[in-house]
Protein backbone atom coordinates (compact mmCIF):
# COMPACT_ATOMS: atom_id res chain seq x y z
CA MET A 1 85.45 40.30 -11.71
CA ALA A 2 88.93 38.89 -12.59
CA GLN A 3 90.41 42.39 -12.48
CA ASN A 4 88.98 43.00 -9.13
CA LYS A 5 90.26 39.62 -7.95
CA ASN A 6 93.87 40.25 -9.13
CA ALA A 7 93.72 43.77 -7.52
CA LEU A 8 92.87 42.06 -4.19
CA ILE A 9 95.58 39.58 -4.59
CA ARG A 10 98.11 42.67 -5.02
CA TYR A 11 96.61 44.58 -2.13
CA LYS A 12 97.08 41.51 0.19
CA THR A 13 100.62 40.86 -1.25
CA ILE A 14 101.72 44.36 -0.58
CA ASP A 15 100.26 44.56 2.76
CA LYS A 16 102.14 41.07 3.84
CA CYS A 17 105.29 42.58 2.31
CA LEU A 18 105.20 45.92 4.30
CA GLN A 19 104.27 43.94 7.51
CA ASN A 20 107.77 42.16 7.09
CA HIS A 21 110.14 44.58 8.87
CA TYR A 22 113.23 42.39 8.39
CA ARG A 23 113.92 43.54 5.07
CA THR A 24 113.50 46.63 2.95
CA TRP A 25 111.08 46.91 0.15
CA THR A 26 111.74 48.97 -3.22
CA LEU A 27 109.07 49.64 -5.83
CA GLU A 28 110.58 46.88 -7.93
CA ASP A 29 110.67 44.42 -5.02
CA LEU A 30 106.85 45.01 -4.63
CA MET A 31 106.30 44.33 -8.53
CA GLU A 32 108.28 41.25 -8.22
CA ALA A 33 106.16 39.86 -5.07
CA CYS A 34 102.87 40.76 -6.72
CA SER A 35 104.02 39.06 -9.96
CA ASP A 36 104.83 35.86 -8.09
CA ALA A 37 101.59 35.91 -6.17
CA LEU A 38 99.52 36.15 -9.28
CA TYR A 39 101.34 33.33 -10.57
CA GLU A 40 100.88 31.34 -7.59
CA TYR A 41 97.12 31.97 -7.15
CA GLU A 42 96.05 32.45 -10.76
CA GLY A 43 98.77 30.72 -12.74
CA LYS A 44 99.31 33.93 -14.62
CA GLU A 45 103.00 34.83 -15.78
CA THR A 46 102.15 38.38 -16.49
CA SER A 47 104.56 40.83 -14.93
CA VAL A 48 102.97 43.63 -12.80
CA SER A 49 104.06 47.03 -13.95
CA LYS A 50 105.42 49.74 -12.01
CA ARG A 51 102.49 51.92 -12.67
CA THR A 52 100.00 49.43 -11.19
CA VAL A 53 101.97 48.91 -8.09
CA GLN A 54 101.87 52.83 -7.68
CA LEU A 55 98.30 52.87 -8.30
CA ASP A 56 97.54 50.08 -5.70
CA ILE A 57 99.63 52.18 -3.12
CA GLN A 58 97.78 55.12 -3.83
CA LEU A 59 94.33 53.37 -3.57
CA MET A 60 95.37 51.68 -0.38
CA ARG A 61 96.47 54.91 1.27
CA SER A 62 92.95 56.57 0.28
CA GLU A 63 89.61 56.12 1.92
CA LYS A 64 88.25 54.66 -1.31
CA LEU A 65 88.73 51.09 -0.19
CA GLY A 66 88.37 51.95 3.48
CA TYR A 67 92.16 51.01 4.20
CA ASN A 68 93.87 54.41 4.80
CA ALA A 69 97.00 52.52 4.89
CA PRO A 70 99.94 54.59 6.45
CA ILE A 71 102.35 53.67 3.64
CA VAL A 72 105.65 55.97 3.86
CA VAL A 73 108.59 56.17 1.55
CA TYR A 74 112.00 56.61 3.55
CA ASP A 75 115.37 57.34 1.89
CA LYS A 76 113.50 58.27 -1.31
CA LYS A 77 112.98 54.72 -2.40
CA PHE A 78 111.92 52.22 0.40
CA TYR A 79 108.47 51.54 1.42
CA LYS A 80 106.97 50.72 4.81
CA TYR A 81 104.04 51.20 7.17
CA GLU A 82 104.67 54.13 9.33
CA ASP A 83 102.59 52.22 12.09
CA ASP A 84 104.35 48.76 12.53
CA GLU A 85 101.28 47.22 13.90
CA TYR A 86 99.08 48.18 11.00
CA THR A 87 97.80 45.53 8.45
CA ILE A 88 94.73 45.76 5.96
CA THR A 89 93.07 42.73 7.39
CA ASP A 90 92.76 44.25 10.65
CA ILE A 91 90.99 47.41 9.77
CA PRO A 92 87.81 48.69 12.18
CA LEU A 93 84.40 48.15 10.82
CA THR A 94 82.54 51.20 9.67
CA GLU A 95 78.94 51.91 11.05
CA THR A 96 77.71 50.94 7.34
CA ASP A 97 79.70 47.71 7.59
CA ILE A 98 78.24 46.77 11.15
CA ASN A 99 74.52 47.46 9.85
CA ILE A 100 75.12 45.39 6.76
CA LEU A 101 76.60 42.37 8.80
CA THR A 102 73.85 42.69 11.50
CA GLU A 103 70.98 42.25 8.73
CA THR A 104 73.08 39.35 7.04
CA VAL A 105 73.43 37.49 10.40
CA SER A 106 69.64 37.96 11.30
CA MET A 107 68.77 36.61 7.89
CA LEU A 108 70.91 33.52 7.97
CA LYS A 109 70.02 32.82 11.55
CA GLN A 110 66.43 31.78 10.53
CA PHE A 111 67.87 28.81 9.23
CA LYS A 112 69.97 28.04 12.23
CA ASP A 113 68.50 24.65 12.43
CA PHE A 114 69.06 23.74 8.99
CA SER A 115 71.99 21.51 8.64
CA LEU A 116 72.89 23.10 5.20
CA PHE A 117 74.15 26.18 7.27
CA ASN A 118 76.06 23.91 10.00
CA ASP A 119 79.42 25.06 8.63
CA VAL A 120 78.61 28.73 8.94
CA SER A 121 77.40 28.65 12.47
CA ASP A 122 80.46 29.35 14.12
CA ILE A 123 81.24 32.02 11.74
CA LEU A 124 77.78 33.67 12.64
CA GLN A 125 78.70 33.49 16.19
CA ARG A 126 81.93 35.15 15.67
CA LEU A 127 80.24 37.83 13.74
CA GLU A 128 77.57 38.39 16.31
CA ASP A 129 80.33 38.65 18.88
CA LYS A 130 82.24 41.17 16.66
CA ILE A 131 79.18 43.23 15.92
CA TYR A 132 78.25 43.51 19.43
CA ALA A 133 81.74 44.49 20.47
CA GLU A 134 81.81 47.34 17.84
CA LYS A 135 78.36 48.64 18.43
CA SER A 136 75.50 47.50 20.65
CA HIS A 137 71.70 48.36 20.45
CA THR A 138 71.59 48.66 16.72
CA GLN A 139 68.21 48.55 15.26
CA PRO A 140 67.36 46.31 12.25
CA VAL A 141 66.81 47.83 9.01
CA ILE A 142 65.34 44.87 7.22
CA HIS A 143 62.16 43.28 8.35
CA LEU A 144 61.49 39.69 6.84
CA ASP A 145 58.03 38.15 6.81
CA LYS A 146 58.04 34.76 8.86
CA ASN A 147 55.62 32.68 10.56
CA ASP A 148 57.41 31.42 13.68
CA LYS A 149 54.24 29.28 14.71
CA LEU A 150 54.07 27.61 11.10
CA LYS A 151 53.94 23.78 11.66
CA GLY A 152 56.39 21.32 9.85
CA LEU A 153 59.39 23.31 9.90
CA HIS A 154 61.22 20.78 12.05
CA PHE A 155 61.11 18.34 9.16
CA LEU A 156 63.10 20.69 6.87
CA ASP A 157 66.42 19.33 7.92
CA GLU A 158 65.40 15.74 8.03
CA ILE A 159 63.91 15.97 4.49
CA TYR A 160 66.92 17.87 3.10
CA GLN A 161 69.11 14.88 4.30
CA ALA A 162 66.83 12.48 2.78
CA ILE A 163 67.08 14.07 -0.59
CA ILE A 164 70.97 14.62 -0.80
CA LYS A 165 71.24 10.85 0.39
CA LYS A 166 68.65 9.62 -1.80
CA VAL A 167 66.67 7.86 0.88
CA VAL A 168 62.88 6.60 0.37
CA LEU A 169 60.44 8.18 2.88
CA VAL A 170 57.48 6.82 4.64
CA ILE A 171 55.33 9.83 5.23
CA THR A 172 52.14 10.09 7.50
CA TYR A 173 50.06 13.18 5.98
CA LYS A 174 46.73 14.60 6.60
CA SER A 175 45.62 17.08 3.83
CA PHE A 176 43.04 19.86 4.30
CA LYS A 177 40.86 17.84 2.43
CA SER A 178 41.07 14.55 4.09
CA ARG A 179 39.28 13.58 7.10
CA GLU A 180 41.97 10.71 8.06
CA GLU A 181 45.63 10.62 8.16
CA GLN A 182 47.34 8.60 5.14
CA GLN A 183 50.64 6.90 5.30
CA PHE A 184 52.43 6.27 1.89
CA ILE A 185 55.80 5.64 0.25
CA PHE A 186 57.47 8.99 -1.14
CA HIS A 187 60.46 9.67 -3.23
CA PRO A 188 61.60 13.35 -2.29
CA PHE A 189 63.27 15.42 -5.07
CA ILE A 190 63.38 18.96 -4.12
CA LEU A 191 62.07 21.34 -1.37
CA LYS A 192 60.26 24.44 -2.46
CA GLU A 193 59.40 27.54 -0.41
CA PHE A 194 56.24 29.67 -1.78
CA ASN A 195 54.49 32.27 0.05
CA ASN A 196 56.03 31.64 3.46
CA ARG A 197 55.13 27.96 3.39
CA TRP A 198 57.41 25.14 2.58
CA PHE A 199 56.54 22.20 0.26
CA LEU A 200 58.31 18.84 -0.50
CA ILE A 201 58.29 17.85 -4.05
CA GLY A 202 58.55 14.33 -5.41
CA ARG A 203 56.74 10.96 -6.49
CA LYS A 204 54.82 8.41 -4.61
CA LYS A 205 55.86 5.79 -7.34
CA GLN A 206 57.21 5.95 -11.03
CA SER A 207 53.57 5.67 -12.53
CA GLN A 208 52.30 8.39 -10.44
CA PRO A 209 52.59 12.39 -11.38
CA ILE A 210 54.85 14.85 -9.52
CA THR A 211 53.33 15.76 -6.18
CA ASN A 212 53.76 18.55 -3.53
CA LEU A 213 53.33 17.95 0.15
CA ALA A 214 52.97 20.94 2.48
CA LEU A 215 55.40 20.37 5.44
CA ASP A 216 52.80 21.59 7.64
CA ARG A 217 50.46 18.78 6.93
CA ILE A 218 53.02 16.10 7.64
CA ILE A 219 52.31 14.37 10.89
CA SER A 220 55.45 12.09 11.00
CA ILE A 221 58.53 10.74 8.75
CA ASP A 222 60.06 7.35 8.67
CA TYR A 223 62.41 5.87 6.18
CA ASP A 224 62.22 2.43 3.98
CA PHE A 225 65.89 1.43 3.04
CA ASN A 226 64.51 -1.68 1.09
CA ILE A 227 62.89 0.39 -1.41
CA PRO A 228 65.42 1.79 -4.13
CA TYR A 229 65.32 5.45 -4.48
CA LEU A 230 63.50 6.42 -7.74
CA GLU A 231 66.36 8.21 -10.00
CA ASP A 232 64.27 10.71 -11.69
CA THR A 233 65.09 13.20 -14.32
CA PHE A 234 62.93 15.93 -12.82
CA ASN A 235 63.95 19.41 -13.55
CA PRO A 236 62.32 21.88 -11.20
CA GLU A 237 63.12 24.99 -13.59
CA GLN A 238 61.31 23.50 -16.51
CA PHE A 239 58.44 21.75 -14.20
CA TYR A 240 57.48 25.03 -12.81
CA ARG A 241 58.19 27.48 -15.61
CA ASN A 242 54.67 28.00 -16.82
CA VAL A 243 53.06 28.18 -13.40
CA ILE A 244 52.91 30.45 -10.35
CA GLY A 245 53.43 28.66 -7.05
CA VAL A 246 53.83 24.91 -6.39
CA THR A 247 50.39 23.40 -8.13
CA VAL A 248 51.00 21.95 -11.62
CA ASN A 249 48.09 20.48 -13.21
CA GLU A 250 49.95 18.20 -15.34
CA GLY A 251 48.02 17.62 -18.92
CA LEU A 252 46.82 21.09 -19.00
CA ARG A 253 48.73 23.43 -21.47
CA PRO A 254 49.82 27.02 -20.91
CA GLN A 255 47.59 29.59 -22.30
CA ARG A 256 47.55 33.10 -23.12
CA ILE A 257 45.64 35.13 -20.52
CA GLU A 258 44.70 38.78 -20.69
CA VAL A 259 44.01 40.99 -17.86
CA TRP A 260 43.07 44.77 -17.55
CA ILE A 261 44.55 46.57 -14.51
CA ASP A 262 43.41 49.82 -13.05
CA ARG A 263 45.66 52.94 -12.99
CA ILE A 264 46.55 52.45 -9.17
CA ASN A 265 47.53 48.81 -9.44
CA ALA A 266 49.15 49.35 -13.04
CA PRO A 267 52.59 50.60 -11.63
CA TYR A 268 52.99 47.57 -9.28
CA VAL A 269 52.21 44.93 -11.94
CA ILE A 270 54.57 46.62 -14.42
CA THR A 271 57.63 46.78 -11.93
CA LYS A 272 56.70 43.28 -10.27
CA PRO A 273 55.26 41.20 -13.11
CA LEU A 274 52.59 38.56 -12.22
CA HIS A 275 54.79 35.94 -14.01
CA HIS A 276 58.18 36.06 -16.15
CA SER A 277 56.00 35.87 -19.30
CA GLN A 278 54.12 38.92 -18.90
CA ARG A 279 54.00 41.30 -21.45
CA LEU A 280 52.42 44.81 -21.87
CA ILE A 281 50.03 45.10 -24.43
CA LYS A 282 48.57 48.44 -24.25
CA THR A 283 48.69 51.35 -21.87
CA ASN A 284 45.22 53.27 -21.69
CA GLU A 285 44.80 57.15 -21.50
CA ASP A 286 43.43 56.64 -17.92
CA GLY A 287 46.66 55.28 -16.85
CA SER A 288 45.28 51.51 -16.84
CA VAL A 289 47.00 48.85 -18.64
CA ILE A 290 46.40 45.61 -20.48
CA VAL A 291 49.05 42.83 -19.99
CA HIS A 292 49.13 39.44 -20.98
CA VAL A 293 50.72 36.12 -19.43
CA PHE A 294 51.33 32.77 -20.80
CA LEU A 295 50.76 30.09 -18.27
CA ILE A 296 48.72 27.32 -16.66
CA VAL A 297 45.85 28.40 -14.61
CA ASN A 298 46.11 26.96 -10.92
CA TYR A 299 44.76 27.82 -7.31
CA GLU A 300 47.91 30.26 -6.82
CA PHE A 301 47.15 32.22 -9.78
CA GLU A 302 43.57 32.54 -9.03
CA ARG A 303 44.19 33.79 -5.68
CA ILE A 304 46.50 36.38 -7.11
CA LEU A 305 43.85 37.72 -9.50
CA LEU A 306 41.30 37.93 -6.75
CA GLY A 307 43.59 39.81 -4.65
CA PHE A 308 43.45 42.67 -6.89
CA GLY A 309 39.82 43.11 -6.01
CA ASN A 310 38.07 45.59 -8.36
CA GLY A 311 41.43 46.66 -9.74
CA LEU A 312 41.67 43.76 -12.34
CA GLU A 313 39.42 42.42 -14.91
CA VAL A 314 40.18 39.09 -16.61
CA LEU A 315 39.51 39.91 -20.22
CA ARG A 316 40.16 36.44 -21.74
CA PRO A 317 39.98 33.35 -21.74
CA GLU A 318 36.38 33.00 -21.29
CA PRO A 319 36.38 30.01 -18.91
CA LEU A 320 38.67 32.09 -16.64
CA ARG A 321 36.71 35.24 -16.74
CA ASN A 322 33.30 33.34 -15.83
CA ARG A 323 35.09 31.67 -12.96
CA MET A 324 36.34 34.91 -11.78
CA ARG A 325 32.86 36.50 -12.19
CA LYS A 326 31.25 33.43 -10.38
CA ILE A 327 33.55 33.61 -7.49
CA LEU A 328 33.09 37.48 -7.06
CA ASN A 329 29.33 37.25 -7.43
CA ASP A 330 29.17 34.51 -4.70
CA ALA A 331 31.23 36.98 -2.52
CA VAL A 332 28.96 39.85 -3.17
CA LEU A 333 25.83 37.52 -2.18
CA ARG A 334 27.58 36.28 0.97
CA TYR A 335 28.00 40.05 2.00
CA GLU A 336 24.37 40.79 1.25
CA LYS A 337 23.13 37.57 3.17
CA GLU A 338 25.02 38.95 6.21
CA ASN A 339 23.07 42.33 5.86
CA GLU A 340 19.69 40.70 5.86
């Protein structure tokens, strides 16, 4: 990475020199200018060699970097741009460049209402204008899952600001299990996204466990500036290390879970592990596999297991195996009941 950065500094320096038509530039002049630039930007006193500058000019002339710089030698010793208006900072965008920029802008625009991205909003607008001017009617080649009707997304920025400014929230909330709305004090720590839903993670008070609140269940948000913000040593990487999703059943310990996966689903699970702790135990002759994970069982993990249908079997531990059996048996009974 450092070498690439140094090369970029040299390319820009050579470009700047050759744009200056009020003096002549020998190879030695360009070497000195590049050495000075590296010292200015990187604090390095290393002299740039003649061979290095010659290779830089060769690369700038080629298509490899996309520059195709019209660098010519005259009087057998001086370098210049044959086109007086040329600069590597104003090269046209290729079709590949345009397609990449189009997809990047599309992805970033999904966060247009998030103040975290306010500083780049003007850049995005200029990029869009540039892309449209270069090529219209491009079809997107990346499609992202998103739910425009998901409630609570308008709270994202408000909560984000409260977290970075360490402000205590007064939240009115209605969970799926509650009949009535509840209002409580909440100390926000982080925002977490899982399965296209956003969650606020924090504590109601010091003595209570870490809680996750689904943004789509928040009714309203207010502030209490009189309550000191709870300075917590919460470490999200460590806290979520042994779970999938956002539900952490504190007090439970991670356990080894073995599952059999059929031949059809095995490649998907091998290439996209259920959890970072996944290890392959055995590959069977029929192409099925047995893997184990080491984690705390929660609602999200159970939903993933059930999503495989008859393509997955929990081998151990016995309590989880029995729970999966009961859920699947109840599902079968429901289908049979509907056919009566």
